[in-house]
């Protein structure tokens, strides 16, 4: 390799990056210190769902790389999700102005540059910032992700899963933190001691530890991140009227005080997409590209269950048309099982100031294919806005390693004005759906007997639902059993039920939980709250009711759902509920 001439190295890169179909243009190759604009380095758009890694030391240009890639993805009609940690990415909504220095750079790499704006949706976790509030219910967040936020150990995490199982089995909806707190308080009370004993693996002492950690979360003000209306992750898949992909920019002004919450919420978004999206196979372009910044926060001190769930999600979500780019300082920040799924590499400069840095440098070099470059020298001497790149070509093989001077973004590399951000949020259709928090009847109200505060009119297109809880002695009608049978059949078989629907009645036949919602889909997890027989007995009744519709082969499975884990068997890889309102 070392004996190749510069012309031969140039020819290798030109051949390796001559691709058919749509591409993301990354920049021009640098060979022996000289930029060659005739050797363009690019990434096939169809390979963006093969996942990737953007790495490099602080200050080497990782954020600008995300910015530049997001612009081109949007132009290609691909929606993008970005986490804006430093506030710089809001500049996507403002066209950049040309300068002498910028023009010289773009001309040197053969970039036809023009200042542009892009369609941006500003989001904020729980409304912590200027963006449209993003919330999740405790039920949909699930016990594994919540354990991560609460930093529980493996035993406590398992116990929390039992609490979720108890709530599922008893139709106690966990919407916000006070709902979960009330369930745990009930289990540790004299009234709930028999229920606690039946759970077996949950001790009163462990329940007390979980309760204490939950109270700590509330004391930190994190209760605002959990609640309704829950954010519908399908909003991330939108395109603008002109066909460009919408760039969803999540504002994180308080990341430094809540890093675990930030990283875990990003995995909730991915887990929700994973559960919802159908298999898509090989697409000409991805449905969504998700940039997961500060990726090391996900993995530091993570439990085995959490790591396994991440690995499963990354491995399988590709076939659903979603590409994930992990953004961090070195590849060693990412577990090997996950790193092995990241086919596209954009490696900015690394520093080797300490023995630990030197080890990280060697580990990084080992992840690249054999190349014509001295990677140790190249990675330690690369300038800002340069990176060492290898991606997957259209045939699924790695492209040649190329030291690359990266393209410049066409929008502002910095924050947009606060006035522009606020006006964009004020004009967003999402603000109508998610701007105002609602608090309806759920586990807290059911266990304490307190009525929920009024939340105003129901969402457009949905009838108002009376906030009345059925009396403890209410009997379960055949219509209820049939309705539950149809629901389970649809969830198991993934198609409309073959059982006939009941004829419409002139008035309400059943009283629901009083949960109005502003979310755009009706989530199946918000099943009507019912009293009557225990969930296990109800599931046993449903096994017989489902016999004709599903056949005898599934009767035992449905019965086991009631007698073993009940509805919890329908939870996803993170323990997230697959029956949320859609």
Protein backbone atom coordinates (compact mmCIF):
# COMPACT_ATOMS: atom_id res chain seq x y z
CA UNK A 1 0.00 0.00 0.00
CA UNK A 2 2.77 2.39 0.90
CA UNK A 3 4.30 2.08 -2.60
CA UNK A 4 1.24 3.45 -4.41
CA UNK A 5 1.64 6.76 -6.18
CA UNK A 6 -0.69 9.68 -5.47
CA UNK A 7 -2.36 9.10 -8.84
CA UNK A 8 -3.05 5.45 -7.96
CA UNK A 9 -4.49 6.42 -4.59
CA UNK A 10 -6.68 9.00 -6.32
CA UNK A 11 -7.91 6.43 -8.82
CA UNK A 12 -8.78 4.01 -5.99
CA UNK A 13 -10.97 6.60 -4.26
CA UNK A 14 -12.60 7.77 -7.49
CA UNK A 15 -13.53 4.22 -8.41
CA UNK A 16 -14.70 3.34 -4.91
CA UNK A 17 -17.05 6.33 -4.69
CA UNK A 18 -18.47 6.18 -8.21
CA UNK A 19 -21.99 5.20 -7.22
CA UNK A 20 -25.34 4.86 -8.95
CA UNK A 21 -28.53 6.34 -7.56
CA UNK A 22 -29.07 9.18 -5.11
CA UNK A 23 -26.26 10.00 -2.69
CA UNK A 24 -25.38 12.23 0.23
CA UNK A 25 -22.36 14.30 -0.81
CA UNK A 26 -19.83 14.39 2.02
CA UNK A 27 -16.84 16.23 0.54
CA UNK A 28 -13.65 15.90 -1.47
CA UNK A 29 -10.76 13.50 -0.83
CA UNK A 30 -7.44 14.69 0.56
CA UNK A 31 -4.43 12.75 -0.73
CA UNK A 32 -0.93 13.52 0.52
CA UNK A 33 -2.13 16.84 1.88
CA UNK A 34 -3.81 18.03 -1.31
CA UNK A 35 -7.58 18.37 -1.80
CA UNK A 36 -8.88 16.73 -4.99
CA UNK A 37 -12.33 18.05 -5.93
CA UNK A 38 -12.46 15.51 -8.76
CA UNK A 39 -12.56 12.76 -6.09
CA UNK A 40 -15.94 13.28 -4.43
CA UNK A 41 -16.70 11.21 -1.33
CA UNK A 42 -20.36 10.28 -0.99
CA UNK A 43 -22.75 7.96 0.78
CA UNK A 44 -25.56 6.10 -1.07
CA UNK A 45 -28.94 7.33 0.14
CA UNK A 46 -30.24 3.75 0.03
CA UNK A 47 -27.53 2.74 2.54
CA UNK A 48 -28.38 5.36 5.16
CA UNK A 49 -30.49 2.82 7.06
CA UNK A 50 -27.38 0.65 7.51
CA UNK A 51 -26.63 2.94 10.49
CA UNK A 52 -23.48 4.86 11.16
CA UNK A 53 -21.04 6.46 13.57
CA UNK A 54 -19.92 10.07 13.68
CA UNK A 55 -17.02 10.34 16.11
CA UNK A 56 -14.23 12.69 17.05
CA UNK A 57 -12.74 14.79 19.80
CA UNK A 58 -14.54 17.85 21.11
CA UNK A 59 -14.30 20.78 18.72
CA UNK A 60 -13.45 18.81 15.57
CA UNK A 61 -16.73 19.48 13.75
CA UNK A 62 -19.11 16.62 14.56
CA UNK A 63 -22.11 18.95 14.96
CA UNK A 64 -21.40 20.66 11.63
CA UNK A 65 -21.25 17.22 9.99
CA UNK A 66 -24.70 16.36 11.36
CA UNK A 67 -25.93 19.73 10.16
CA UNK A 68 -24.62 19.20 6.63
CA UNK A 69 -26.00 15.65 6.37
CA UNK A 70 -29.41 16.70 7.74
CA UNK A 71 -29.71 19.39 5.06
CA UNK A 72 -29.10 16.95 2.22
CA UNK A 73 -31.39 14.31 3.69
CA UNK A 74 -34.17 16.88 3.97
CA UNK A 75 -33.62 17.96 0.36
CA UNK A 76 -33.89 14.30 -0.68
CA UNK A 77 -37.27 14.03 1.03
CA UNK A 78 -36.01 12.11 4.07
CA UNK A 79 -37.22 13.24 7.53
CA UNK A 80 -34.47 13.73 10.11
CA UNK A 81 -34.35 13.73 13.90
CA UNK A 82 -31.60 15.69 15.66
CA UNK A 83 -30.95 16.39 19.33
CA UNK A 84 -29.78 19.98 19.71
CA UNK A 85 -27.56 19.86 22.75
CA UNK A 86 -25.63 23.10 22.29
CA UNK A 87 -28.38 25.08 20.60
CA UNK A 88 -26.45 25.33 17.33
CA UNK A 89 -28.75 23.23 15.15
CA UNK A 90 -31.64 25.69 15.23
CA UNK A 91 -29.67 27.51 12.53
CA UNK A 92 -31.15 25.06 10.03
CA UNK A 93 -34.15 27.40 9.86
CA UNK A 94 -32.00 30.39 8.78
CA UNK A 95 -30.17 30.75 5.45
CA UNK A 96 -26.41 31.25 5.74
CA UNK A 97 -24.70 34.28 4.21
CA UNK A 98 -21.75 33.90 1.86
CA UNK A 99 -18.30 35.13 2.85
CA UNK A 100 -14.91 35.21 1.18
CA UNK A 101 -13.59 32.42 3.41
CA UNK A 102 -16.66 30.24 2.85
CA UNK A 103 -16.53 30.73 -0.93
CA UNK A 104 -12.86 29.76 -1.03
CA UNK A 105 -13.58 26.55 0.89
CA UNK A 106 -16.59 25.48 -1.14
CA UNK A 107 -14.83 26.16 -4.44
CA UNK A 108 -11.80 24.13 -3.31
CA UNK A 109 -13.96 21.01 -2.82
CA UNK A 110 -16.21 21.52 -5.84
CA UNK A 111 -19.34 22.41 -3.87
CA UNK A 112 -21.99 24.52 -5.60
CA UNK A 113 -23.05 26.46 -2.51
CA UNK A 114 -26.12 28.64 -1.96
CA UNK A 115 -27.67 29.83 1.30
CA UNK A 116 -30.94 28.03 2.11
CA UNK A 117 -33.48 27.48 4.85
CA UNK A 118 -34.93 24.09 5.74
CA UNK A 119 -38.24 22.92 7.23
CA UNK A 120 -37.59 22.56 10.96
CA UNK A 121 -39.91 21.47 13.78
CA UNK A 122 -38.65 22.54 17.19
CA UNK A 123 -39.37 20.13 20.05
CA UNK A 124 -38.59 20.21 23.78
CA UNK A 125 -38.76 17.45 26.40
CA UNK A 126 -41.82 18.18 28.50
CA UNK A 127 -41.82 21.77 27.28
CA UNK A 128 -38.41 22.42 28.91
CA UNK A 129 -37.45 25.07 26.35
CA UNK A 130 -39.11 26.89 23.47
CA UNK A 131 -40.17 23.84 21.43
CA UNK A 132 -43.40 21.86 21.18
CA UNK A 133 -43.60 19.69 24.35
CA UNK A 134 -42.66 16.02 23.95
CA UNK A 135 -44.17 13.79 26.63
CA UNK A 136 -44.48 10.06 27.19
CA UNK A 137 -46.78 8.14 29.49
CA UNK A 138 -45.19 5.97 32.15
CA UNK A 139 -46.97 2.94 30.65
CA UNK A 140 -45.47 3.43 27.21
CA UNK A 141 -42.06 4.33 28.63
CA UNK A 142 -41.93 0.92 30.29
CA UNK A 143 -40.03 -0.46 33.28
CA UNK A 144 -36.63 -1.01 31.63
CA UNK A 145 -36.26 2.55 30.36
CA UNK A 146 -37.68 3.99 33.58
CA UNK A 147 -35.24 1.88 35.63
CA UNK A 148 -32.46 3.43 33.55
CA UNK A 149 -33.63 6.96 34.39
CA UNK A 150 -33.94 6.04 38.08
CA UNK A 151 -30.56 4.24 38.01
CA UNK A 152 -31.98 1.10 39.62
CA UNK A 153 -29.94 -2.09 39.96
CA UNK A 154 -30.95 -5.36 38.30
CA UNK A 155 -32.99 -6.57 41.28
CA UNK A 156 -34.86 -3.28 41.59
CA UNK A 157 -35.46 -3.24 37.83
CA UNK A 158 -37.03 -6.70 38.01
CA UNK A 159 -39.21 -5.54 40.89
CA UNK A 160 -40.34 -2.51 38.92
CA UNK A 161 -41.38 -4.83 36.09
CA UNK A 162 -43.60 -6.65 38.59
CA UNK A 163 -45.21 -3.34 39.56
CA UNK A 164 -45.97 -2.69 35.88
CA UNK A 165 -47.38 -6.20 35.59
CA UNK A 166 -49.64 -5.60 38.58
CA UNK A 167 -50.88 -2.32 37.06
CA UNK A 168 -51.48 -4.00 33.69
CA UNK A 169 -53.36 -6.87 35.26
CA UNK A 170 -55.58 -4.59 37.31
CA UNK A 171 -56.29 -1.99 34.62
CA UNK A 172 -54.47 0.75 36.51
CA UNK A 173 -53.28 3.17 33.87
CA UNK A 174 -49.81 4.59 34.53
CA UNK A 175 -49.86 7.96 32.84
CA UNK A 176 -47.58 10.11 34.99
CA UNK A 177 -45.27 9.66 37.95
CA UNK A 178 -47.98 10.18 40.55
CA UNK A 179 -49.83 7.19 39.05
CA UNK A 180 -46.82 4.93 39.51
CA UNK A 181 -46.17 6.34 42.98
CA UNK A 182 -49.76 5.65 44.02
CA UNK A 183 -49.56 2.03 42.83
CA UNK A 184 -46.35 1.43 44.79
CA UNK A 185 -47.81 3.14 47.86
CA UNK A 186 -50.88 0.91 47.60
CA UNK A 187 -48.73 -2.23 47.38
CA UNK A 188 -46.73 -1.22 50.45
CA UNK A 189 -49.83 -0.28 52.46
CA UNK A 190 -51.83 -2.52 54.79
CA UNK A 191 -54.60 -2.60 52.21
CA UNK A 192 -52.32 -3.87 49.47
CA UNK A 193 -50.15 -6.33 51.44
CA UNK A 194 -52.02 -9.33 50.03
CA UNK A 195 -51.48 -8.10 46.48
CA UNK A 196 -47.79 -7.54 47.26
CA UNK A 197 -47.47 -11.09 48.59
CA UNK A 198 -49.04 -12.48 45.39
CA UNK A 199 -46.41 -10.76 43.26
CA UNK A 200 -43.79 -12.98 44.87
CA UNK A 201 -40.55 -11.38 43.63
CA UNK A 202 -41.37 -7.92 44.97
CA UNK A 203 -40.47 -7.24 48.58
CA UNK A 204 -41.79 -4.34 50.59
CA UNK A 205 -38.24 -3.11 51.16
CA UNK A 206 -37.44 -3.03 47.42
CA UNK A 207 -40.75 -1.35 46.70
CA UNK A 208 -39.77 1.28 49.25
CA UNK A 209 -36.45 1.89 47.48
CA UNK A 210 -38.23 2.33 44.14
CA UNK A 211 -40.70 4.69 45.77
CA UNK A 212 -37.91 6.77 47.21
CA UNK A 213 -36.18 7.05 43.82
CA UNK A 214 -39.49 8.00 42.26
CA UNK A 215 -39.98 10.79 44.76
CA UNK A 216 -36.44 11.98 43.92
CA UNK A 217 -37.41 12.22 40.25
CA UNK A 218 -40.44 14.30 41.16
CA UNK A 219 -38.28 16.53 43.36
CA UNK A 220 -36.03 17.20 40.36
CA UNK A 221 -39.02 18.38 38.37
CA UNK A 222 -39.02 15.42 35.98
CA UNK A 223 -42.73 14.76 36.35
CA UNK A 224 -43.35 17.21 33.49
CA UNK A 225 -41.77 14.75 31.04
CA UNK A 226 -44.38 12.10 31.81
CA UNK A 227 -48.01 12.62 30.98
CA UNK A 228 -50.48 13.30 28.23
CA UNK A 229 -50.93 14.13 25.45
CA UNK A 230 -48.24 11.64 24.60
CA UNK A 231 -46.06 12.48 21.61
CA UNK A 232 -46.83 10.39 18.54
CA UNK A 233 -43.50 9.33 17.04
CA UNK A 234 -45.15 9.20 13.59
CA UNK A 235 -44.78 13.00 13.70
CA UNK A 236 -41.07 12.42 13.06
CA UNK A 237 -41.83 10.89 9.64
CA UNK A 238 -43.43 13.96 8.07
CA UNK A 239 -42.46 15.80 4.90
CA UNK A 240 -43.07 19.47 4.08
CA UNK A 241 -45.55 20.53 1.36
CA UNK A 242 -42.64 20.98 -1.07
CA UNK A 243 -41.58 17.35 -0.55
CA UNK A 244 -38.54 18.01 1.63
CA UNK A 245 -38.17 15.99 4.81
CA UNK A 246 -39.04 17.77 8.05
CA UNK A 247 -36.07 18.11 10.41
CA UNK A 248 -37.26 17.52 13.99
CA UNK A 249 -34.88 19.36 16.29
CA UNK A 250 -35.15 18.41 19.98
CA UNK A 251 -34.03 21.26 22.20
CA UNK A 252 -32.10 20.20 25.30
CA UNK A 253 -31.25 23.31 27.31
CA UNK A 254 -30.81 21.43 30.60
CA UNK A 255 -28.94 18.37 29.33
CA UNK A 256 -26.11 18.80 31.81
CA UNK A 257 -28.48 18.33 34.75
CA UNK A 258 -30.50 15.47 33.22
CA UNK A 259 -28.16 13.49 30.90
CA UNK A 260 -29.69 10.11 31.75
CA UNK A 261 -33.18 11.34 31.03
CA UNK A 262 -32.07 12.75 27.67
CA UNK A 263 -30.40 9.57 26.42
CA UNK A 264 -33.19 7.33 27.69
CA UNK A 265 -35.88 9.47 26.09
CA UNK A 266 -34.10 9.12 22.74
CA UNK A 267 -34.21 5.35 23.11
CA UNK A 268 -37.92 5.60 23.95
CA UNK A 269 -38.48 7.39 20.65
CA UNK A 270 -36.61 4.64 18.79
CA UNK A 271 -38.38 1.87 20.69
CA UNK A 272 -41.75 3.44 19.88
CA UNK A 273 -40.87 3.63 16.19
CA UNK A 274 -39.61 0.05 16.28
CA UNK A 275 -42.88 -1.20 17.72
CA UNK A 276 -45.06 0.75 15.29
CA UNK A 277 -43.39 0.64 11.89
CA UNK A 278 -44.04 -2.26 9.51
CA UNK A 279 -41.26 -4.21 7.81
CA UNK A 280 -40.12 -2.26 4.75
CA UNK A 281 -37.25 -4.27 3.24
CA UNK A 282 -34.70 -2.49 1.04
CA UNK A 283 -35.82 1.03 0.18
CA UNK A 284 -34.45 3.62 -2.24
CA UNK A 285 -34.21 5.98 0.71
CA UNK A 286 -34.90 5.60 4.44
CA UNK A 287 -38.14 6.67 6.10
CA UNK A 288 -36.18 8.49 8.80
CA UNK A 289 -32.58 9.11 9.81
CA UNK A 290 -32.11 9.46 13.56
CA UNK A 291 -28.95 11.14 14.91
CA UNK A 292 -28.36 10.05 18.51
CA UNK A 293 -25.92 12.55 20.03
CA UNK A 294 -23.83 12.00 23.17
CA UNK A 295 -24.26 8.27 22.60
CA UNK A 296 -21.90 7.33 25.42
CA UNK A 297 -24.59 8.44 27.90
CA UNK A 298 -26.73 5.53 26.75
CA UNK A 299 -24.19 2.91 27.64
CA UNK A 300 -22.38 4.15 30.75
CA UNK A 301 -23.33 1.80 33.59
CA UNK A 302 -26.23 0.31 31.62
CA UNK A 303 -27.76 -3.01 32.73
CA UNK A 304 -27.47 -6.10 30.56
CA UNK A 305 -31.21 -6.00 29.83
CA UNK A 306 -30.92 -2.41 28.63
CA UNK A 307 -27.90 -3.15 26.42
CA UNK A 308 -29.58 -6.22 24.95
CA UNK A 309 -32.66 -4.15 24.13
CA UNK A 310 -30.57 -1.46 22.40
CA UNK A 311 -28.71 -4.09 20.37
CA UNK A 312 -31.96 -5.73 19.31
CA UNK A 313 -33.51 -2.41 18.33
CA UNK A 314 -30.48 -1.31 16.29
CA UNK A 315 -30.24 -4.67 14.55
CA UNK A 316 -33.91 -4.90 13.58
CA UNK A 317 -35.07 -1.32 13.00
CA UNK A 318 -32.98 -1.13 9.82
CA UNK A 319 -35.48 -3.36 8.03
CA UNK A 320 -38.21 -0.89 8.98
CA UNK A 321 -36.53 1.90 7.05
CA UNK A 322 -34.91 3.82 9.93
CA UNK A 323 -31.23 4.68 9.98
CA UNK A 324 -29.46 5.52 13.26
CA UNK A 325 -26.22 7.48 13.49
CA UNK A 326 -24.52 7.36 16.88
CA UNK A 327 -22.53 10.50 17.68
CA UNK A 328 -19.78 10.29 20.28
CA UNK A 329 -16.06 10.86 20.81
CA UNK A 330 -14.54 7.44 20.10
CA UNK A 331 -15.86 4.09 18.83
CA UNK A 332 -14.97 2.51 22.16
CA UNK A 333 -17.87 4.47 23.68
CA UNK A 334 -20.21 2.09 21.84
CA UNK A 335 -20.49 -1.62 22.82
CA UNK A 336 -19.05 -4.05 20.28
CA UNK A 337 -22.42 -5.64 19.50
CA UNK A 338 -23.82 -2.24 18.55
CA UNK A 339 -20.64 -1.02 16.85
CA UNK A 340 -20.74 -4.04 14.57
CA UNK A 341 -24.06 -2.77 13.16
CA UNK A 342 -22.64 0.65 12.17
CA UNK A 343 -21.51 0.30 8.57
CA UNK A 344 -21.01 4.01 7.78
CA UNK A 345 -18.10 5.72 9.58
CA UNK A 346 -17.28 9.43 9.72
CA UNK A 347 -14.31 9.78 12.04
CA UNK A 348 -13.11 13.27 12.90
CA UNK A 349 -9.75 13.95 14.50
CA UNK A 350 -8.67 12.28 17.72
CA UNK A 351 -6.14 13.51 20.24
CA UNK A 352 -3.49 11.38 21.91
CA UNK A 353 -2.48 13.48 24.89
CA UNK A 354 -2.69 10.68 27.47
CA UNK A 355 -2.07 6.89 27.53
CA UNK A 356 -5.86 6.42 27.56
CA UNK A 357 -6.13 8.59 24.44
CA UNK A 358 -3.45 6.50 22.73
CA UNK A 359 -5.38 3.31 23.47
CA UNK A 360 -8.57 4.85 22.09
CA UNK A 361 -6.70 5.88 18.94
CA UNK A 362 -5.41 2.36 18.32
CA UNK A 363 -8.88 0.92 18.96
CA UNK A 364 -10.36 3.35 16.43
CA UNK A 365 -7.81 2.49 13.76
CA UNK A 366 -8.58 -1.20 14.20
CA UNK A 367 -12.21 -0.59 13.17
CA UNK A 368 -11.26 0.67 9.70
CA UNK A 369 -10.50 -1.43 6.60
CA UNK A 370 -6.90 -1.61 5.37
CA UNK A 371 -6.18 1.65 3.57
CA UNK A 372 -3.59 3.72 1.71
CA UNK A 373 -3.36 6.14 4.63
CA UNK A 374 -1.25 6.11 7.76
CA UNK A 375 -4.36 6.39 9.91
CA UNK A 376 -2.53 7.11 13.15
CA UNK A 377 -0.95 10.17 11.60
CA UNK A 378 -4.05 11.18 9.66
CA UNK A 379 -6.45 10.96 12.62
CA UNK A 380 -4.19 12.98 14.92
CA UNK A 381 -3.41 15.69 12.37
CA UNK A 382 -6.78 16.13 10.63
CA UNK A 383 -8.07 19.68 10.77
CA UNK A 384 -11.47 20.99 11.83
CA UNK A 385 -14.02 20.09 9.18
CA UNK A 386 -12.06 17.07 8.01
CA UNK A 387 -12.78 13.40 8.66
CA UNK A 388 -11.68 9.89 7.72
CA UNK A 389 -14.60 8.18 5.99
CA UNK A 390 -15.62 4.72 4.88
CA UNK A 391 -19.23 3.83 4.07
CA UNK A 392 -21.18 0.94 2.59
CA UNK A 393 -21.56 1.04 -1.19
CA UNK A 394 -24.65 -0.05 -3.09
CA UNK A 395 -23.43 -3.65 -3.18
CA UNK A 396 -23.00 -3.78 0.59
CA UNK A 397 -19.18 -3.63 0.56
CA UNK A 398 -17.08 -0.99 2.37
CA UNK A 399 -15.76 1.87 0.27
CA UNK A 400 -12.05 2.79 0.37
CA UNK A 401 -10.97 4.84 3.38
CA UNK A 402 -10.83 8.50 2.37
CA UNK A 403 -9.44 11.45 4.27
CA UNK A 404 -12.08 14.03 3.38
CA UNK A 405 -12.59 17.77 3.55
CA UNK A 406 -16.27 18.01 4.36
CA UNK A 407 -18.90 20.15 2.66
CA UNK A 408 -20.15 23.32 4.29
CA UNK A 409 -23.76 23.64 5.46
CA UNK A 410 -26.02 26.01 3.52
CA UNK A 411 -27.89 27.24 6.58
CA UNK A 412 -26.47 29.07 9.58
CA UNK A 413 -23.85 27.15 11.59
CA UNK A 414 -25.16 28.43 14.89
CA UNK A 415 -28.46 29.22 16.55
CA UNK A 416 -31.35 30.94 14.84
CA UNK A 417 -32.74 34.00 16.56
CA UNK A 418 -35.00 33.28 19.51
CA UNK A 419 -37.77 35.27 17.81
CA UNK A 420 -37.63 32.97 14.77
CA UNK A 421 -37.70 29.84 16.93
CA UNK A 422 -40.67 31.10 18.95
CA UNK A 423 -42.61 32.16 15.85
CA UNK A 424 -41.94 28.78 14.21
CA UNK A 425 -43.23 26.97 17.30
CA UNK A 426 -46.26 29.27 17.56
CA UNK A 427 -47.19 28.47 13.96
CA UNK A 428 -46.70 24.71 14.29
CA UNK A 429 -49.69 22.42 13.88
CA UNK A 430 -48.15 20.21 16.58
CA UNK A 431 -48.57 22.90 19.21
CA UNK A 432 -52.33 22.51 18.97
CA UNK A 433 -52.02 18.76 19.66
CA UNK A 434 -49.34 18.75 22.34
CA UNK A 435 -49.08 22.28 23.72
CA UNK A 436 -51.37 21.82 26.73
CA UNK A 437 -50.90 19.01 29.25
CA UNK A 438 -53.98 17.01 30.27
CA UNK A 439 -54.60 15.01 33.43
CA UNK A 440 -57.46 12.55 33.32
CA UNK A 441 -58.61 9.61 35.42
CA UNK A 442 -55.85 7.03 35.84
CA UNK A 443 -54.25 4.92 38.58
CA UNK A 444 -53.80 7.81 41.01
CA UNK A 445 -57.47 8.80 40.87
CA UNK A 446 -58.66 5.20 41.04
CA UNK A 447 -56.57 4.31 44.07
CA UNK A 448 -57.06 7.56 45.97
CA UNK A 449 -60.68 8.15 44.96
CA UNK A 450 -59.90 11.69 43.86
CA UNK A 451 -61.43 13.08 40.69
CA UNK A 452 -59.13 14.34 37.98
CA UNK A 453 -59.07 18.02 37.18
CA UNK A 454 -61.03 19.08 34.14
CA UNK A 455 -58.92 19.14 30.96
CA UNK A 456 -61.34 20.93 28.66
CA UNK A 457 -62.97 19.68 25.52
CA UNK A 458 -61.99 16.40 23.86
CA UNK A 459 -59.65 16.42 20.88
CA UNK A 460 -61.25 17.29 17.50
CA UNK A 461 -63.05 14.33 16.00
CA UNK A 462 -63.33 12.48 19.31
CA UNK A 463 -66.46 12.49 21.49
CA UNK A 464 -66.07 13.64 25.09
CA UNK A 465 -65.82 10.76 27.53
CA UNK A 466 -67.41 11.05 30.98
CA UNK A 467 -64.96 10.78 33.85
CA UNK A 468 -66.86 8.19 35.87
CA UNK A 469 -65.32 5.09 37.42
CA UNK A 470 -67.46 1.91 37.36
CA UNK A 471 -68.65 0.70 40.75
CA UNK A 472 -66.68 -2.18 42.30
CA UNK A 473 -69.64 -4.53 42.02
CA UNK A 474 -70.34 -3.93 38.34
CA UNK A 475 -70.68 -7.15 36.36
CA UNK A 476 -68.88 -7.88 33.14
CA UNK A 477 -71.31 -8.06 30.18
CA UNK A 478 -70.99 -10.33 27.16
CA UNK A 479 -70.50 -7.23 25.04
CA UNK A 480 -67.39 -6.40 27.11
CA UNK A 481 -66.01 -9.90 26.65
CA UNK A 482 -66.66 -9.78 22.91
CA UNK A 483 -65.02 -6.38 22.60
CA UNK A 484 -61.96 -7.58 24.49
CA UNK A 485 -61.85 -10.70 22.32
CA UNK A 486 -61.84 -8.62 19.17
CA UNK A 487 -59.08 -6.40 20.53
CA UNK A 488 -56.81 -9.30 21.42
CA UNK A 489 -57.43 -11.03 18.10
CA UNK A 490 -56.43 -7.87 16.24
CA UNK A 491 -53.25 -7.49 18.31
CA UNK A 492 -52.21 -11.12 17.89
CA UNK A 493 -53.03 -11.51 14.19
CA UNK A 494 -52.31 -7.95 13.09
CA UNK A 495 -55.54 -7.66 11.10
CA UNK A 496 -59.16 -6.62 11.72
CA UNK A 497 -61.11 -9.05 13.88
CA UNK A 498 -63.31 -11.64 12.20
CA UNK A 499 -65.80 -11.40 15.06
CA UNK A 500 -68.89 -9.27 14.30
CA UNK A 501 -68.93 -5.84 15.89
CA UNK A 502 -71.93 -4.98 18.07
CA UNK A 503 -74.72 -2.90 16.61
CA UNK A 504 -74.47 0.78 17.59
CA UNK A 505 -76.67 1.70 20.52
CA UNK A 506 -78.52 5.01 21.00
CA UNK A 507 -76.65 5.74 24.20
CA UNK A 508 -73.44 4.75 25.99
CA UNK A 509 -73.55 1.10 27.07
CA UNK A 510 -70.36 1.25 29.04
CA UNK A 511 -68.71 3.88 31.15
CA UNK A 512 -65.05 4.48 30.30
CA UNK A 513 -62.22 5.97 32.25
CA UNK A 514 -62.82 9.54 31.19
CA UNK A 515 -59.58 9.88 29.28
CA UNK A 516 -59.76 12.57 26.68
CA UNK A 517 -56.69 12.95 24.50
CA UNK A 518 -55.11 15.35 22.09
CA UNK A 519 -52.89 12.72 20.48
CA UNK A 520 -53.43 12.10 16.78
CA UNK A 521 -53.94 8.34 17.00
CA UNK A 522 -56.10 6.22 19.28
CA UNK A 523 -53.70 4.17 21.32
CA UNK A 524 -54.86 0.69 22.11
CA UNK A 525 -53.14 0.78 25.46
CA UNK A 526 -55.84 3.12 26.70
CA UNK A 527 -58.22 0.18 27.00
CA UNK A 528 -61.44 1.01 28.86
CA UNK A 529 -60.97 0.68 32.59
CA UNK A 530 -63.25 -1.99 34.06
CA UNK A 531 -63.92 -3.46 37.43
CA UNK A 532 -65.30 -6.92 37.91
CA UNK A 533 -63.37 -10.20 37.87
CA UNK A 534 -59.59 -10.20 38.25
CA UNK A 535 -57.64 -9.85 34.99
CA UNK A 536 -56.53 -13.48 35.10
CA UNK A 537 -60.16 -14.69 35.29
CA UNK A 538 -61.17 -12.32 32.55
CA UNK A 539 -58.43 -13.66 30.30
CA UNK A 540 -59.59 -17.17 31.03
CA UNK A 541 -63.10 -16.19 29.90
CA UNK A 542 -61.62 -14.61 26.79
CA UNK A 543 -59.81 -17.82 25.89
CA UNK A 544 -63.18 -19.45 25.34
CA UNK A 545 -64.58 -16.43 23.54
CA UNK A 546 -61.59 -16.38 21.21
CA UNK A 547 -61.83 -20.09 20.41
CA UNK A 548 -64.06 -19.66 17.40
CA UNK A 549 -62.20 -16.67 16.02
CA UNK A 550 -58.61 -17.81 16.53
CA UNK A 551 -58.90 -21.58 16.56
CA UNK A 552 -57.93 -24.04 19.26
CA UNK A 553 -54.21 -23.60 18.62
CA UNK A 554 -54.26 -20.11 20.12
CA UNK A 555 -56.64 -20.78 23.00
CA UNK A 556 -53.92 -22.03 25.29
CA UNK A 557 -51.74 -19.06 24.42
CA UNK A 558 -54.50 -16.59 25.28
CA UNK A 559 -55.18 -18.45 28.53
CA UNK A 560 -51.48 -18.28 29.41
CA UNK A 561 -51.63 -14.54 28.89
CA UNK A 562 -54.10 -14.35 31.75
CA UNK A 563 -52.49 -16.86 34.07
CA UNK A 564 -48.83 -15.92 33.64
CA UNK A 565 -47.94 -12.38 32.60
CA UNK A 566 -51.28 -11.30 31.15
CA UNK A 567 -51.01 -8.22 29.10
CA UNK A 568 -47.35 -7.76 29.88
CA UNK A 569 -46.56 -10.41 27.26
CA UNK A 570 -47.55 -7.81 24.68
CA UNK A 571 -44.79 -5.42 25.76
CA UNK A 572 -41.86 -4.68 23.46
CA UNK A 573 -38.11 -5.22 23.80
CA UNK A 574 -37.75 -2.34 26.29
CA UNK A 575 -40.83 -3.36 28.25
CA UNK A 576 -42.65 -0.54 26.45
CA UNK A 577 -46.35 -1.03 25.87
CA UNK A 578 -47.37 -2.00 22.35
CA UNK A 579 -50.96 -0.97 23.03
CA UNK A 580 -50.69 2.79 23.28
CA UNK A 581 -53.19 5.17 21.79
CA UNK A 582 -52.66 5.54 18.07
